[in-house]
Amino acid sequence: MKTLINRQFDFMGKRRIAFMMSAALILASIVSLLFQQLNLGLDFTGGTLVEVRYGVAPSLEAIRLILEDAGFRDVSVQTFGASTEVLIRLQQAFDPEVGDRVVSLLRAEGDTVELIRAEFVGAQVGEQLRDRSGLGLMVALGVVMLYVAFRFQYKFAIGALLALMHDVIIVVGIFSLFQLDFDLTVLAALLAVIGYSLNDTIVVYDRIRETIRKSRIDDMPAIFNEAINLTLSRTLATSGTTLLVLMALLLLGGDMIHYFSIALIIGVVVGTFSSIYVAAALLLAVKLERKDLIPPKKEDLEEGEEELP
């Protein structure tokens, strides 16, 4: 009986099904982004920040309900450092007395609450953050393309860039589709997803290049299958251990990194898929050949031609 290590999976034989799945996810993401748009957090839209300190750790859900019942809208509540430090975000115009009003509402429940700060984050600041963060993503993708083209070959760069764009669009699309809060922590997670997916793609590409150079056949799908199967155990081990850590962050990390963890979990799953079925399979679509990696040998001297002394 063959063991799992020696089993060969026909990844490239299923690439058309994978392409259709990716196309459907990207289409749904783009439609959601165009018509439903992102549920931008306070970092991008502007609003009011109120930080309070409790005597004992409070229930964040109870705080949220109290404030919503009092008429505050788009309330976001999370711990800030210690479990007794609570950061309240309100997407509304700033009122100098809003901090005192929030504290009075919370004290009415019999808790010991102290106001630390109340400040306004303007919409202009949010717009600047949005523009600069988008520019940062574009620069990151451009640098990645140049790096892959320099290390491998330009056809590899095309596959890597499209795979990274595939990952980013799907992660952002899921946040738009389910109206999850999109703030700066999620943006940081997107940059981390780009780094993770690129690392996984580079490992697969490195093995594909090595297998092409060692192989004596020209059947590219077979060569790609062999290379991917050789890296499969490493890919699954890396993704699995990363997901375990991210699940721990999601369950135990608190509200501050809740959506950060969700974005990374989605990104790791999508990035692992794209390293095989987007980055690698696209090399077949762009007609990668052996001669792209192995320059032709110099022709031998013709028979009868005299060598120079």
Protein backbone atom coordinates (compact mmCIF):
# COMPACT_ATOMS: atom_id res chain seq x y z
CA MET A 1 0.00 0.00 0.00
CA LYS A 2 1.29 3.46 -0.88
CA THR A 3 1.78 5.89 1.94
CA LEU A 4 0.49 9.46 1.89
CA ILE A 5 4.03 10.73 1.30
CA ASN A 6 4.35 8.77 -1.95
CA ARG A 7 0.84 9.50 -3.17
CA GLN A 8 0.69 11.75 -6.21
CA PHE A 9 -2.25 14.14 -6.56
CA ASP A 10 -3.19 15.43 -9.99
CA PHE A 11 -3.42 19.13 -9.11
CA MET A 12 -2.96 20.39 -12.65
CA GLY A 13 -5.65 18.07 -13.95
CA LYS A 14 -8.17 19.93 -11.76
CA ARG A 15 -6.89 23.41 -12.58
CA ARG A 16 -9.89 24.35 -14.74
CA ILE A 17 -12.29 23.59 -11.89
CA ALA A 18 -10.06 25.63 -9.58
CA PHE A 19 -10.01 28.52 -12.06
CA MET A 20 -13.82 28.51 -12.18
CA MET A 21 -14.00 28.58 -8.37
CA SER A 22 -11.54 31.47 -8.21
CA ALA A 23 -13.39 33.37 -10.94
CA ALA A 24 -16.70 32.95 -9.08
CA LEU A 25 -15.19 34.19 -5.80
CA ILE A 26 -13.52 37.17 -7.48
CA LEU A 27 -16.72 38.09 -9.34
CA ALA A 28 -18.77 37.92 -6.14
CA SER A 29 -16.15 40.02 -4.34
CA ILE A 30 -16.06 42.71 -7.05
CA VAL A 31 -19.88 42.89 -7.24
CA SER A 32 -20.08 43.24 -3.45
CA LEU A 33 -17.39 45.94 -3.42
CA LEU A 34 -19.17 47.90 -6.17
CA PHE A 35 -22.73 47.72 -4.83
CA GLN A 36 -22.43 47.05 -1.10
CA GLN A 37 -18.97 48.49 -0.46
CA LEU A 38 -16.87 48.05 2.66
CA ASN A 39 -18.07 48.68 6.18
CA LEU A 40 -15.25 51.09 6.95
CA GLY A 41 -14.21 51.53 10.56
CA LEU A 42 -13.61 54.74 12.46
CA ASP A 43 -10.01 54.89 11.21
CA PHE A 44 -11.34 55.65 7.72
CA THR A 45 -14.68 57.40 8.28
CA GLY A 46 -13.96 59.65 11.25
CA GLY A 47 -15.86 59.80 14.55
CA THR A 48 -15.39 59.89 18.32
CA LEU A 49 -13.08 57.87 20.57
CA VAL A 50 -13.86 57.48 24.26
CA GLU A 51 -11.49 55.57 26.55
CA VAL A 52 -12.68 54.56 30.02
CA ARG A 53 -11.25 52.55 32.92
CA TYR A 54 -13.35 50.15 34.98
CA GLY A 55 -12.70 48.94 38.51
CA VAL A 56 -13.31 45.34 37.40
CA ALA A 57 -13.37 43.82 33.93
CA PRO A 58 -16.77 44.62 32.34
CA SER A 59 -18.91 42.86 29.75
CA LEU A 60 -18.22 44.49 26.38
CA GLU A 61 -21.57 43.38 24.98
CA ALA A 62 -23.39 44.98 27.92
CA ILE A 63 -21.56 48.28 27.31
CA ARG A 64 -22.51 48.18 23.64
CA LEU A 65 -26.19 47.57 24.43
CA ILE A 66 -26.28 50.39 27.00
CA LEU A 67 -24.90 52.90 24.54
CA GLU A 68 -27.10 51.76 21.66
CA ASP A 69 -30.21 51.99 23.86
CA ALA A 70 -29.14 55.55 24.71
CA GLY A 71 -29.20 56.51 21.03
CA PHE A 72 -25.55 56.17 20.02
CA ARG A 73 -25.09 54.60 16.59
CA ASP A 74 -22.41 52.38 15.10
CA VAL A 75 -20.94 51.59 18.50
CA SER A 76 -17.70 49.59 18.66
CA VAL A 77 -16.41 48.44 22.05
CA GLN A 78 -13.10 46.68 22.69
CA THR A 79 -10.52 46.21 25.41
CA PHE A 80 -7.46 48.41 25.17
CA GLY A 81 -4.46 46.81 26.86
CA ALA A 82 -5.76 45.57 30.23
CA SER A 83 -9.17 43.94 30.54
CA THR A 84 -10.39 46.93 32.59
CA GLU A 85 -9.37 49.45 29.90
CA VAL A 86 -12.18 49.89 27.36
CA LEU A 87 -12.04 51.82 24.07
CA ILE A 88 -15.39 52.95 22.71
CA ARG A 89 -15.73 54.10 19.10
CA LEU A 90 -18.73 56.14 18.01
CA GLN A 91 -19.27 57.05 14.36
CA GLN A 92 -20.82 60.46 14.95
CA ALA A 93 -19.87 64.12 15.19
CA PHE A 94 -17.73 65.06 18.19
CA ASP A 95 -19.39 66.63 21.24
CA PRO A 96 -17.14 68.00 24.03
CA GLU A 97 -19.52 66.46 26.58
CA VAL A 98 -19.77 63.05 24.94
CA GLY A 99 -17.17 61.55 27.29
CA ASP A 100 -19.04 62.63 30.40
CA ARG A 101 -22.33 61.44 28.94
CA VAL A 102 -20.92 57.98 28.17
CA VAL A 103 -19.41 57.67 31.66
CA SER A 104 -22.70 58.73 33.28
CA LEU A 105 -24.58 56.05 31.35
CA LEU A 106 -22.07 53.38 32.37
CA ARG A 107 -22.01 54.48 36.02
CA ALA A 108 -25.81 54.23 36.13
CA GLU A 109 -25.38 50.46 36.03
CA GLY A 110 -23.53 50.60 39.36
CA ASP A 111 -20.01 50.18 37.96
CA THR A 112 -16.93 52.21 38.88
CA VAL A 113 -15.95 53.98 35.66
CA GLU A 114 -13.29 56.64 35.07
CA LEU A 115 -12.97 58.74 31.91
CA ILE A 116 -9.45 58.63 30.46
CA ARG A 117 -9.91 60.57 27.22
CA ALA A 118 -12.47 61.61 24.62
CA GLU A 119 -11.27 62.81 21.24
CA PHE A 120 -12.35 63.26 17.65
CA VAL A 121 -10.87 61.56 14.58
CA GLY A 122 -11.76 63.74 11.61
CA ALA A 123 -13.04 62.45 8.28
CA GLN A 124 -10.15 64.21 6.54
CA VAL A 125 -7.68 62.10 8.54
CA GLY A 126 -9.67 59.01 7.61
CA GLU A 127 -9.53 59.93 3.92
CA GLN A 128 -5.76 60.41 4.07
CA LEU A 129 -5.35 57.05 5.78
CA ARG A 130 -7.47 55.37 3.11
CA ASP A 131 -5.55 56.88 0.22
CA ARG A 132 -2.12 56.16 1.72
CA SER A 133 -3.04 52.62 2.70
CA GLY A 134 -4.26 51.87 -0.83
CA LEU A 135 -1.04 53.32 -2.23
CA GLY A 136 0.93 51.13 0.19
CA LEU A 137 -0.80 48.02 -1.11
CA MET A 138 -0.05 48.96 -4.72
CA VAL A 139 3.62 49.62 -3.93
CA ALA A 140 3.87 46.28 -2.12
CA LEU A 141 2.45 44.40 -5.11
CA GLY A 142 4.78 46.25 -7.50
CA VAL A 143 7.86 45.42 -5.43
CA VAL A 144 6.77 41.77 -5.25
CA MET A 145 6.49 41.58 -9.04
CA LEU A 146 9.97 43.05 -9.52
CA TYR A 147 11.44 40.66 -6.93
CA VAL A 148 9.93 37.53 -8.51
CA ALA A 149 10.90 38.64 -12.03
CA PHE A 150 14.48 39.20 -10.89
CA ARG A 151 14.76 35.93 -8.94
CA PHE A 152 12.97 33.66 -11.42
CA GLN A 153 11.63 34.88 -14.78
CA TYR A 154 9.01 37.37 -15.90
CA LYS A 155 6.38 34.66 -16.46
CA PHE A 156 6.74 33.68 -12.80
CA ALA A 157 6.24 37.34 -11.87
CA ILE A 158 2.94 37.45 -13.75
CA GLY A 159 1.69 34.35 -11.94
CA ALA A 160 2.80 35.62 -8.52
CA LEU A 161 1.24 39.07 -9.01
CA LEU A 162 -2.10 37.67 -10.18
CA ALA A 163 -2.12 35.20 -7.28
CA LEU A 164 -1.54 37.99 -4.75
CA MET A 165 -4.24 40.15 -6.33
CA HIS A 166 -6.53 37.12 -6.22
CA ASP A 167 -5.92 36.74 -2.46
CA VAL A 168 -6.39 40.43 -1.62
CA ILE A 169 -9.59 40.79 -3.68
CA ILE A 170 -11.20 37.72 -2.10
CA VAL A 171 -10.30 38.72 1.48
CA VAL A 172 -11.59 42.28 0.96
CA GLY A 173 -14.65 40.92 -0.88
CA ILE A 174 -15.59 38.65 2.03
CA PHE A 175 -15.35 41.62 4.41
CA SER A 176 -17.63 43.57 2.08
CA LEU A 177 -20.08 40.70 1.54
CA PHE A 178 -20.59 40.06 5.27
CA GLN A 179 -20.18 43.73 6.25
CA LEU A 180 -17.37 43.05 8.69
CA ASP A 181 -15.61 46.11 10.12
CA PHE A 182 -12.69 47.11 7.91
CA ASP A 183 -10.14 49.13 9.89
CA LEU A 184 -6.38 49.61 10.00
CA THR A 185 -5.82 46.25 11.73
CA VAL A 186 -7.51 44.52 8.78
CA LEU A 187 -5.34 46.51 6.40
CA ALA A 188 -2.27 45.32 8.33
CA ALA A 189 -3.60 41.78 8.00
CA LEU A 190 -3.84 42.23 4.21
CA LEU A 191 -0.16 43.14 4.07
CA ALA A 192 0.63 40.08 6.19
CA VAL A 193 -1.44 37.93 3.81
CA ILE A 194 0.60 39.24 0.88
CA GLY A 195 3.81 38.26 2.68
CA TYR A 196 2.51 34.82 3.68
CA SER A 197 1.10 34.00 0.23
CA LEU A 198 4.28 35.23 -1.47
CA ASN A 199 6.45 33.03 0.74
CA ASP A 200 4.31 29.99 -0.07
CA THR A 201 4.37 30.84 -3.77
CA ILE A 202 8.16 31.25 -3.78
CA VAL A 203 8.58 27.79 -2.22
CA VAL A 204 6.38 26.22 -4.91
CA TYR A 205 8.10 28.18 -7.69
CA ASP A 206 11.54 27.21 -6.44
CA ARG A 207 10.63 23.52 -6.53
CA ILE A 208 9.01 23.87 -9.98
CA ARG A 209 12.16 25.50 -11.36
CA GLU A 210 14.35 22.82 -9.80
CA THR A 211 12.14 20.01 -11.13
CA ILE A 212 12.10 21.47 -14.66
CA ARG A 213 15.90 21.61 -14.71
CA LYS A 214 16.26 18.02 -13.45
CA SER A 215 13.50 16.46 -15.51
CA ARG A 216 14.10 15.02 -18.98
CA ILE A 217 10.49 15.29 -20.10
CA ASP A 218 8.63 18.25 -21.58
CA ASP A 219 5.23 17.44 -20.06
CA MET A 220 4.79 20.62 -17.97
CA PRO A 221 1.59 19.55 -16.12
CA ALA A 222 3.35 16.36 -14.98
CA ILE A 223 6.43 18.32 -13.89
CA PHE A 224 4.26 20.79 -11.96
CA ASN A 225 2.37 17.96 -10.25
CA GLU A 226 5.63 16.38 -9.15
CA ALA A 227 6.95 19.67 -7.79
CA ILE A 228 3.75 20.55 -5.91
CA ASN A 229 3.48 17.08 -4.40
CA LEU A 230 7.06 17.41 -3.14
CA THR A 231 6.15 20.64 -1.31
CA LEU A 232 2.69 19.51 -0.20
CA SER A 233 3.65 18.24 3.26
CA ARG A 234 5.56 21.46 3.98
CA THR A 235 2.65 23.60 2.75
CA LEU A 236 0.05 21.76 4.83
CA ALA A 237 2.25 21.78 7.94
CA THR A 238 2.91 25.51 7.65
CA SER A 239 -0.72 26.41 6.93
CA GLY A 240 -2.03 24.11 9.65
CA THR A 241 0.21 25.43 12.43
CA THR A 242 -0.44 29.03 11.33
CA LEU A 243 -4.20 28.46 11.43
CA LEU A 244 -3.95 26.98 14.93
CA VAL A 245 -2.24 30.14 16.18
CA LEU A 246 -4.75 32.38 14.40
CA MET A 247 -7.69 30.46 15.86
CA ALA A 248 -6.20 31.00 19.32
CA LEU A 249 -5.90 34.74 18.58
CA LEU A 250 -9.48 34.83 17.33
CA LEU A 251 -10.90 33.09 20.40
CA LEU A 252 -8.63 34.55 23.10
CA GLY A 253 -7.20 37.76 21.66
CA GLY A 254 -10.13 40.03 22.42
CA ASP A 255 -11.99 42.55 20.28
CA MET A 256 -8.88 44.57 19.46
CA ILE A 257 -7.56 41.92 17.04
CA HIS A 258 -10.83 40.10 16.28
CA TYR A 259 -11.15 41.21 12.65
CA PHE A 260 -7.37 41.10 12.23
CA SER A 261 -7.50 37.39 13.06
CA ILE A 262 -10.45 36.77 10.73
CA ALA A 263 -8.68 38.48 7.83
CA LEU A 264 -5.53 36.40 8.39
CA ILE A 265 -7.47 33.13 8.66
CA ILE A 266 -9.23 33.82 5.36
CA GLY A 267 -5.95 34.95 3.82
CA VAL A 268 -4.01 31.84 4.85
CA VAL A 269 -6.69 29.51 3.45
CA VAL A 270 -7.02 31.47 0.19
CA GLY A 271 -3.25 31.98 -0.07
CA THR A 272 -2.53 28.26 0.27
CA PHE A 273 -5.10 27.53 -2.44
CA SER A 274 -3.69 30.23 -4.74
CA SER A 275 -0.08 29.05 -4.38
CA ILE A 276 -1.08 25.80 -6.07
CA TYR A 277 -4.04 26.55 -8.28
CA VAL A 278 -3.39 30.17 -9.27
CA ALA A 279 0.33 30.93 -9.07
CA ALA A 280 1.45 27.51 -10.35
CA ALA A 281 -1.36 26.80 -12.80
CA LEU A 282 -1.02 30.25 -14.40
CA LEU A 283 2.48 29.27 -15.52
CA LEU A 284 0.80 26.83 -17.88
CA ALA A 285 -1.52 29.58 -19.11
CA VAL A 286 1.43 31.86 -19.95
CA LYS A 287 3.17 28.97 -21.79
CA LEU A 288 6.19 28.47 -19.54
CA GLU A 289 8.70 26.19 -21.32
CA ARG A 290 11.97 24.53 -20.44
CA LYS A 291 13.92 26.96 -22.62
CA ASP A 292 12.66 29.86 -20.47
CA LEU A 293 14.79 28.52 -17.60
CA ILE A 294 17.51 26.58 -19.39
CA PRO A 295 19.32 28.61 -22.06
CA PRO A 296 20.22 26.60 -25.19
CA LYS A 297 23.71 25.19 -25.27
CA LYS A 298 26.25 26.66 -27.65
CA GLU A 299 26.40 24.77 -30.88
CA ASP A 300 29.37 22.51 -31.23
CA LEU A 301 31.89 23.31 -33.85
CA GLU A 302 30.78 22.05 -37.18
CA GLU A 303 32.41 18.95 -38.43
CA GLY A 304 35.50 19.72 -40.39
CA GLU A 305 35.86 23.25 -39.02
CA GLU A 306 39.35 23.94 -37.80
CA GLU A 307 39.77 25.18 -34.23
CA LEU A 308 41.72 28.33 -33.67
CA PRO A 309 45.17 27.75 -32.12
